[in-house]
Amino acid sequence: MSNLQSANLQDIQRIRNATDMAHEGITRIMYDVHTTKTDLSRGYGGGDGVEFQKLIDLWLEQARVVLNELEGLDTSLATAIGLKSSMQDENLQEIKDHSSQSDYVIEQLILGPNRGV
């Protein structure tokens, strides 16, 4: 079982919340940077303006890469939550099944093989 699967659901949800917050923050900053780029590009001319826009475009490209990675992480975490929930449901059912079996065995031991039928 991987480390992610051994973590409890609450921990996984906390990580998802943190990635959501990071995604929102980066998206907001990307918007601010794009707006600033547009505003400042009017004042920059020549080589400085071109280099400034290249720098901003490079930064925005890297920010998109980070966003894509966060989205992939979120998908993986959602999958882990689903798997963990499914495993817990299966384990609970198995416990119930074995509990019923043990109740029957105890009943047979206490009442005897002919009385329990």
N, C-alpha and C. Protein backbone atom coordinates (compact mmCIF):
# COMPACT_ATOMS: atom_id res chain seq x y z
N MET A 1 0.85 -1.18 0.00
CA MET A 1 0.00 0.00 0.00
C MET A 1 0.90 1.24 0.00
N SER A 2 0.61 2.19 -0.89
CA SER A 2 1.45 3.38 -0.99
C SER A 2 1.22 4.30 0.20
N ASN A 3 2.14 5.25 0.39
CA ASN A 3 2.00 6.21 1.48
C ASN A 3 0.71 6.99 1.38
N LEU A 4 0.31 7.33 0.14
CA LEU A 4 -0.90 8.10 -0.07
C LEU A 4 -2.11 7.30 0.39
N GLN A 5 -2.13 6.00 0.10
CA GLN A 5 -3.26 5.17 0.50
C GLN A 5 -3.30 4.95 2.00
N SER A 6 -2.15 4.98 2.65
CA SER A 6 -2.14 4.76 4.09
C SER A 6 -2.50 6.01 4.88
N ALA A 7 -2.49 7.16 4.24
CA ALA A 7 -2.92 8.39 4.91
C ALA A 7 -4.42 8.33 5.11
N ASN A 8 -4.89 9.00 6.15
CA ASN A 8 -6.34 8.95 6.35
C ASN A 8 -7.03 9.98 5.47
N LEU A 9 -8.31 9.80 5.29
CA LEU A 9 -9.09 10.64 4.37
C LEU A 9 -9.03 12.12 4.76
N GLN A 10 -8.98 12.40 6.03
CA GLN A 10 -8.92 13.79 6.48
C GLN A 10 -7.63 14.46 6.02
N ASP A 11 -6.53 13.76 6.11
CA ASP A 11 -5.25 14.29 5.65
C ASP A 11 -5.27 14.54 4.14
N ILE A 12 -5.83 13.59 3.41
CA ILE A 12 -5.91 13.74 1.95
C ILE A 12 -6.77 14.95 1.60
N GLN A 13 -7.88 15.13 2.32
CA GLN A 13 -8.75 16.27 2.04
C GLN A 13 -8.05 17.59 2.37
N ARG A 14 -7.24 17.60 3.42
CA ARG A 14 -6.48 18.82 3.75
C ARG A 14 -5.50 19.16 2.62
N ILE A 15 -4.88 18.14 2.06
CA ILE A 15 -3.95 18.38 0.94
C ILE A 15 -4.73 18.91 -0.26
N ARG A 16 -5.89 18.34 -0.52
CA ARG A 16 -6.72 18.83 -1.64
C ARG A 16 -7.10 20.29 -1.42
N ASN A 17 -7.47 20.64 -0.19
CA ASN A 17 -7.82 22.03 0.11
C ASN A 17 -6.63 22.95 -0.14
N ALA A 18 -5.46 22.51 0.26
CA ALA A 18 -4.25 23.32 0.05
C ALA A 18 -3.95 23.49 -1.44
N THR A 19 -4.11 22.42 -2.22
CA THR A 19 -3.87 22.54 -3.67
C THR A 19 -4.90 23.45 -4.32
N ASP A 20 -6.15 23.39 -3.84
CA ASP A 20 -7.18 24.29 -4.37
C ASP A 20 -6.83 25.75 -4.07
N MET A 21 -6.38 26.00 -2.85
CA MET A 21 -5.99 27.37 -2.49
C MET A 21 -4.81 27.85 -3.33
N ALA A 22 -3.84 26.96 -3.55
CA ALA A 22 -2.69 27.31 -4.38
C ALA A 22 -3.13 27.61 -5.81
N HIS A 23 -4.02 26.79 -6.33
CA HIS A 23 -4.54 26.99 -7.69
C HIS A 23 -5.23 28.34 -7.81
N GLU A 24 -6.08 28.64 -6.84
CA GLU A 24 -6.79 29.93 -6.85
C GLU A 24 -5.81 31.10 -6.77
N GLY A 25 -4.82 30.98 -5.90
CA GLY A 25 -3.84 32.05 -5.75
C GLY A 25 -3.03 32.27 -7.01
N ILE A 26 -2.57 31.20 -7.62
CA ILE A 26 -1.78 31.32 -8.85
C ILE A 26 -2.63 31.90 -9.97
N THR A 27 -3.87 31.44 -10.06
CA THR A 27 -4.76 31.97 -11.11
C THR A 27 -4.96 33.47 -10.92
N ARG A 28 -5.17 33.90 -9.69
CA ARG A 28 -5.35 35.33 -9.40
C ARG A 28 -4.09 36.13 -9.75
N ILE A 29 -2.94 35.60 -9.39
CA ILE A 29 -1.67 36.29 -9.68
C ILE A 29 -1.42 36.34 -11.18
N MET A 30 -1.77 35.26 -11.88
CA MET A 30 -1.61 35.26 -13.34
C MET A 30 -2.45 36.37 -13.98
N TYR A 31 -3.66 36.53 -13.47
CA TYR A 31 -4.52 37.60 -13.98
C TYR A 31 -3.89 38.96 -13.71
N ASP A 32 -3.38 39.15 -12.49
CA ASP A 32 -2.73 40.42 -12.14
C ASP A 32 -1.51 40.68 -13.02
N VAL A 33 -0.70 39.65 -13.24
CA VAL A 33 0.50 39.80 -14.06
C VAL A 33 0.12 40.14 -15.50
N HIS A 34 -0.88 39.45 -16.01
CA HIS A 34 -1.32 39.72 -17.39
C HIS A 34 -1.84 41.16 -17.51
N THR A 35 -2.61 41.60 -16.53
CA THR A 35 -3.13 42.97 -16.54
C THR A 35 -1.99 43.98 -16.46
N THR A 36 -1.03 43.71 -15.58
CA THR A 36 0.12 44.61 -15.45
C THR A 36 0.92 44.64 -16.73
N LYS A 37 1.10 43.49 -17.34
CA LYS A 37 1.83 43.41 -18.62
C LYS A 37 1.16 44.30 -19.65
N THR A 38 -0.15 44.21 -19.73
CA THR A 38 -0.90 45.01 -20.71
C THR A 38 -0.75 46.50 -20.41
N ASP A 39 -0.87 46.86 -19.14
CA ASP A 39 -0.77 48.27 -18.75
C ASP A 39 0.64 48.82 -18.99
N LEU A 40 1.67 48.05 -18.60
CA LEU A 40 3.04 48.54 -18.71
C LEU A 40 3.57 48.49 -20.14
N SER A 41 3.03 47.58 -20.94
CA SER A 41 3.55 47.46 -22.31
C SER A 41 3.28 48.73 -23.12
N ARG A 42 2.28 49.49 -22.73
CA ARG A 42 2.01 50.76 -23.41
C ARG A 42 3.13 51.76 -23.18
N GLY A 43 3.75 51.68 -22.00
CA GLY A 43 4.80 52.64 -21.68
C GLY A 43 6.20 52.20 -22.10
N TYR A 44 6.38 50.91 -22.31
CA TYR A 44 7.69 50.41 -22.71
C TYR A 44 7.77 50.37 -24.23
N GLY A 45 8.86 50.84 -24.73
CA GLY A 45 9.07 50.79 -26.17
C GLY A 45 10.42 50.18 -26.50
N GLY A 46 10.61 49.83 -27.73
CA GLY A 46 11.90 49.32 -28.18
C GLY A 46 12.24 47.98 -27.58
N GLY A 47 13.56 47.76 -27.44
CA GLY A 47 14.09 46.49 -26.96
C GLY A 47 13.67 46.18 -25.54
N ASP A 48 13.61 47.22 -24.69
CA ASP A 48 13.19 46.97 -23.30
C ASP A 48 11.78 46.41 -23.23
N GLY A 49 10.89 46.99 -24.01
CA GLY A 49 9.50 46.54 -24.00
C GLY A 49 9.35 45.12 -24.49
N VAL A 50 10.09 44.79 -25.55
CA VAL A 50 10.04 43.44 -26.10
C VAL A 50 10.56 42.42 -25.07
N GLU A 51 11.69 42.73 -24.46
CA GLU A 51 12.27 41.82 -23.47
C GLU A 51 11.37 41.68 -22.25
N PHE A 52 10.75 42.80 -21.85
CA PHE A 52 9.84 42.76 -20.71
C PHE A 52 8.67 41.82 -21.02
N GLN A 53 8.09 41.93 -22.20
CA GLN A 53 6.97 41.08 -22.58
C GLN A 53 7.39 39.61 -22.68
N LYS A 54 8.60 39.36 -23.17
CA LYS A 54 9.10 37.98 -23.23
C LYS A 54 9.23 37.39 -21.83
N LEU A 55 9.74 38.21 -20.92
CA LEU A 55 9.90 37.76 -19.54
C LEU A 55 8.54 37.43 -18.91
N ILE A 56 7.58 38.30 -19.10
CA ILE A 56 6.25 38.07 -18.55
C ILE A 56 5.61 36.84 -19.19
N ASP A 57 5.76 36.69 -20.51
CA ASP A 57 5.20 35.52 -21.19
C ASP A 57 5.82 34.23 -20.68
N LEU A 58 7.13 34.25 -20.43
CA LEU A 58 7.82 33.09 -19.89
C LEU A 58 7.28 32.76 -18.49
N TRP A 59 7.10 33.79 -17.68
CA TRP A 59 6.57 33.58 -16.33
C TRP A 59 5.16 32.99 -16.40
N LEU A 60 4.32 33.54 -17.27
CA LEU A 60 2.95 33.04 -17.41
C LEU A 60 2.94 31.58 -17.89
N GLU A 61 3.84 31.26 -18.78
CA GLU A 61 3.95 29.88 -19.27
C GLU A 61 4.31 28.93 -18.13
N GLN A 62 5.27 29.33 -17.31
CA GLN A 62 5.66 28.49 -16.17
C GLN A 62 4.53 28.39 -15.15
N ALA A 63 3.79 29.46 -14.96
CA ALA A 63 2.65 29.43 -14.04
C ALA A 63 1.60 28.44 -14.55
N ARG A 64 1.39 28.37 -15.86
CA ARG A 64 0.45 27.41 -16.44
C ARG A 64 0.92 25.97 -16.19
N VAL A 65 2.21 25.75 -16.27
CA VAL A 65 2.77 24.41 -15.99
C VAL A 65 2.46 24.03 -14.54
N VAL A 66 2.67 24.96 -13.63
CA VAL A 66 2.39 24.70 -12.22
C VAL A 66 0.90 24.40 -12.02
N LEU A 67 0.04 25.18 -12.67
CA LEU A 67 -1.40 24.93 -12.56
C LEU A 67 -1.77 23.54 -13.07
N ASN A 68 -1.19 23.15 -14.19
CA ASN A 68 -1.46 21.81 -14.73
C ASN A 68 -1.01 20.72 -13.76
N GLU A 69 0.13 20.93 -13.12
CA GLU A 69 0.62 19.95 -12.15
C GLU A 69 -0.31 19.89 -10.94
N LEU A 70 -0.80 21.04 -10.49
CA LEU A 70 -1.73 21.07 -9.36
C LEU A 70 -3.03 20.34 -9.72
N GLU A 71 -3.49 20.54 -10.95
CA GLU A 71 -4.71 19.86 -11.38
C GLU A 71 -4.50 18.35 -11.43
N GLY A 72 -3.33 17.92 -11.90
CA GLY A 72 -3.02 16.49 -11.90
C GLY A 72 -2.96 15.92 -10.49
N LEU A 73 -2.36 16.68 -9.58
CA LEU A 73 -2.28 16.25 -8.19
C LEU A 73 -3.68 16.14 -7.60
N ASP A 74 -4.53 17.12 -7.89
CA ASP A 74 -5.88 17.10 -7.37
C ASP A 74 -6.65 15.87 -7.88
N THR A 75 -6.46 15.55 -9.14
CA THR A 75 -7.10 14.37 -9.72
C THR A 75 -6.61 13.10 -9.01
N SER A 76 -5.31 13.02 -8.77
CA SER A 76 -4.74 11.86 -8.07
C SER A 76 -5.30 11.76 -6.65
N LEU A 77 -5.42 12.89 -5.98
CA LEU A 77 -5.94 12.88 -4.61
C LEU A 77 -7.41 12.47 -4.60
N ALA A 78 -8.18 12.95 -5.57
CA ALA A 78 -9.59 12.56 -5.66
C ALA A 78 -9.71 11.06 -5.89
N THR A 79 -8.84 10.51 -6.72
CA THR A 79 -8.83 9.07 -6.97
C THR A 79 -8.47 8.32 -5.69
N ALA A 80 -7.48 8.83 -4.97
CA ALA A 80 -7.07 8.18 -3.71
C ALA A 80 -8.20 8.18 -2.70
N ILE A 81 -8.94 9.28 -2.63
CA ILE A 81 -10.08 9.34 -1.71
C ILE A 81 -11.12 8.30 -2.11
N GLY A 82 -11.40 8.20 -3.39
CA GLY A 82 -12.36 7.21 -3.87
C GLY A 82 -11.92 5.79 -3.56
N LEU A 83 -10.64 5.50 -3.80
CA LEU A 83 -10.12 4.15 -3.51
C LEU A 83 -10.17 3.84 -2.03
N LYS A 84 -9.77 4.82 -1.24
CA LYS A 84 -9.75 4.61 0.21
C LYS A 84 -11.17 4.39 0.74
N SER A 85 -12.12 5.18 0.26
CA SER A 85 -13.51 5.01 0.68
C SER A 85 -14.03 3.64 0.27
N SER A 86 -13.72 3.22 -0.93
CA SER A 86 -14.15 1.91 -1.43
C SER A 86 -13.55 0.80 -0.58
N MET A 87 -12.26 0.93 -0.26
CA MET A 87 -11.60 -0.09 0.57
C MET A 87 -12.24 -0.14 1.95
N GLN A 88 -12.55 1.02 2.51
CA GLN A 88 -13.17 1.05 3.83
C GLN A 88 -14.54 0.39 3.81
N ASP A 89 -15.32 0.65 2.75
CA ASP A 89 -16.64 0.02 2.61
C ASP A 89 -16.50 -1.50 2.52
N GLU A 90 -15.54 -1.97 1.72
CA GLU A 90 -15.32 -3.40 1.58
C GLU A 90 -14.89 -4.02 2.91
N ASN A 91 -14.00 -3.33 3.63
CA ASN A 91 -13.55 -3.85 4.93
C ASN A 91 -14.69 -3.91 5.94
N LEU A 92 -15.54 -2.89 5.93
CA LEU A 92 -16.68 -2.88 6.83
C LEU A 92 -17.62 -4.04 6.54
N GLN A 93 -17.86 -4.30 5.27
CA GLN A 93 -18.73 -5.42 4.90
C GLN A 93 -18.12 -6.75 5.32
N GLU A 94 -16.81 -6.87 5.16
CA GLU A 94 -16.13 -8.10 5.57
C GLU A 94 -16.23 -8.30 7.08
N ILE A 95 -16.08 -7.23 7.82
CA ILE A 95 -16.20 -7.32 9.28
C ILE A 95 -17.61 -7.76 9.66
N LYS A 96 -18.62 -7.20 9.00
CA LYS A 96 -20.00 -7.59 9.28
C LYS A 96 -20.22 -9.06 8.96
N ASP A 97 -19.69 -9.51 7.83
CA ASP A 97 -19.85 -10.91 7.44
C ASP A 97 -19.21 -11.84 8.47
N HIS A 98 -17.98 -11.50 8.89
CA HIS A 98 -17.28 -12.34 9.87
C HIS A 98 -17.95 -12.27 11.24
N SER A 99 -18.52 -11.13 11.54
CA SER A 99 -19.23 -11.00 12.82
C SER A 99 -20.43 -11.92 12.85
N SER A 100 -21.16 -11.97 11.75
CA SER A 100 -22.32 -12.88 11.66
C SER A 100 -21.88 -14.33 11.82
N GLN A 101 -20.78 -14.68 11.19
CA GLN A 101 -20.26 -16.04 11.29
C GLN A 101 -19.85 -16.35 12.73
N SER A 102 -19.19 -15.41 13.39
CA SER A 102 -18.74 -15.67 14.76
C SER A 102 -19.94 -15.75 15.70
N ASP A 103 -20.99 -14.95 15.44
CA ASP A 103 -22.20 -15.05 16.26
C ASP A 103 -22.81 -16.45 16.16
N TYR A 104 -22.81 -16.98 14.96
CA TYR A 104 -23.36 -18.32 14.74
C TYR A 104 -22.52 -19.36 15.49
N VAL A 105 -21.21 -19.26 15.40
CA VAL A 105 -20.33 -20.22 16.06
C VAL A 105 -20.52 -20.15 17.57
N ILE A 106 -20.58 -18.95 18.11
CA ILE A 106 -20.77 -18.79 19.57
C ILE A 106 -22.11 -19.37 19.99
N GLU A 107 -23.13 -19.07 19.19
CA GLU A 107 -24.46 -19.62 19.48
C GLU A 107 -24.43 -21.15 19.50
N GLN A 108 -23.73 -21.74 18.55
CA GLN A 108 -23.64 -23.20 18.50
C GLN A 108 -22.88 -23.75 19.69
N LEU A 109 -21.85 -23.04 20.11
CA LEU A 109 -21.08 -23.49 21.26
C LEU A 109 -21.89 -23.40 22.54
N ILE A 110 -22.66 -22.35 22.68
CA ILE A 110 -23.43 -22.15 23.90
C ILE A 110 -24.66 -23.06 23.93
N LEU A 111 -25.39 -23.11 22.82
CA LEU A 111 -26.66 -23.85 22.79
C LEU A 111 -26.46 -25.32 22.43
N GLY A 112 -25.37 -25.61 21.81
CA GLY A 112 -25.16 -26.98 21.36
C GLY A 112 -25.61 -27.11 19.89
N PRO A 113 -25.08 -28.08 19.18
CA PRO A 113 -25.35 -28.20 17.76
C PRO A 113 -26.80 -28.47 17.41
N ASN A 114 -27.57 -29.09 18.26
CA ASN A 114 -28.95 -29.44 17.91
C ASN A 114 -29.96 -28.38 18.30
N ARG A 115 -29.64 -27.51 19.23
CA ARG A 115 -30.59 -26.50 19.71
C ARG A 115 -30.65 -25.27 18.84
N GLY A 116 -29.56 -24.93 18.16
CA GLY A 116 -29.50 -23.69 17.39
C GLY A 116 -30.20 -23.77 16.06
N VAL A 117 -30.64 -24.95 15.64
CA VAL A 117 -31.25 -25.14 14.32
C VAL A 117 -32.75 -25.09 14.40
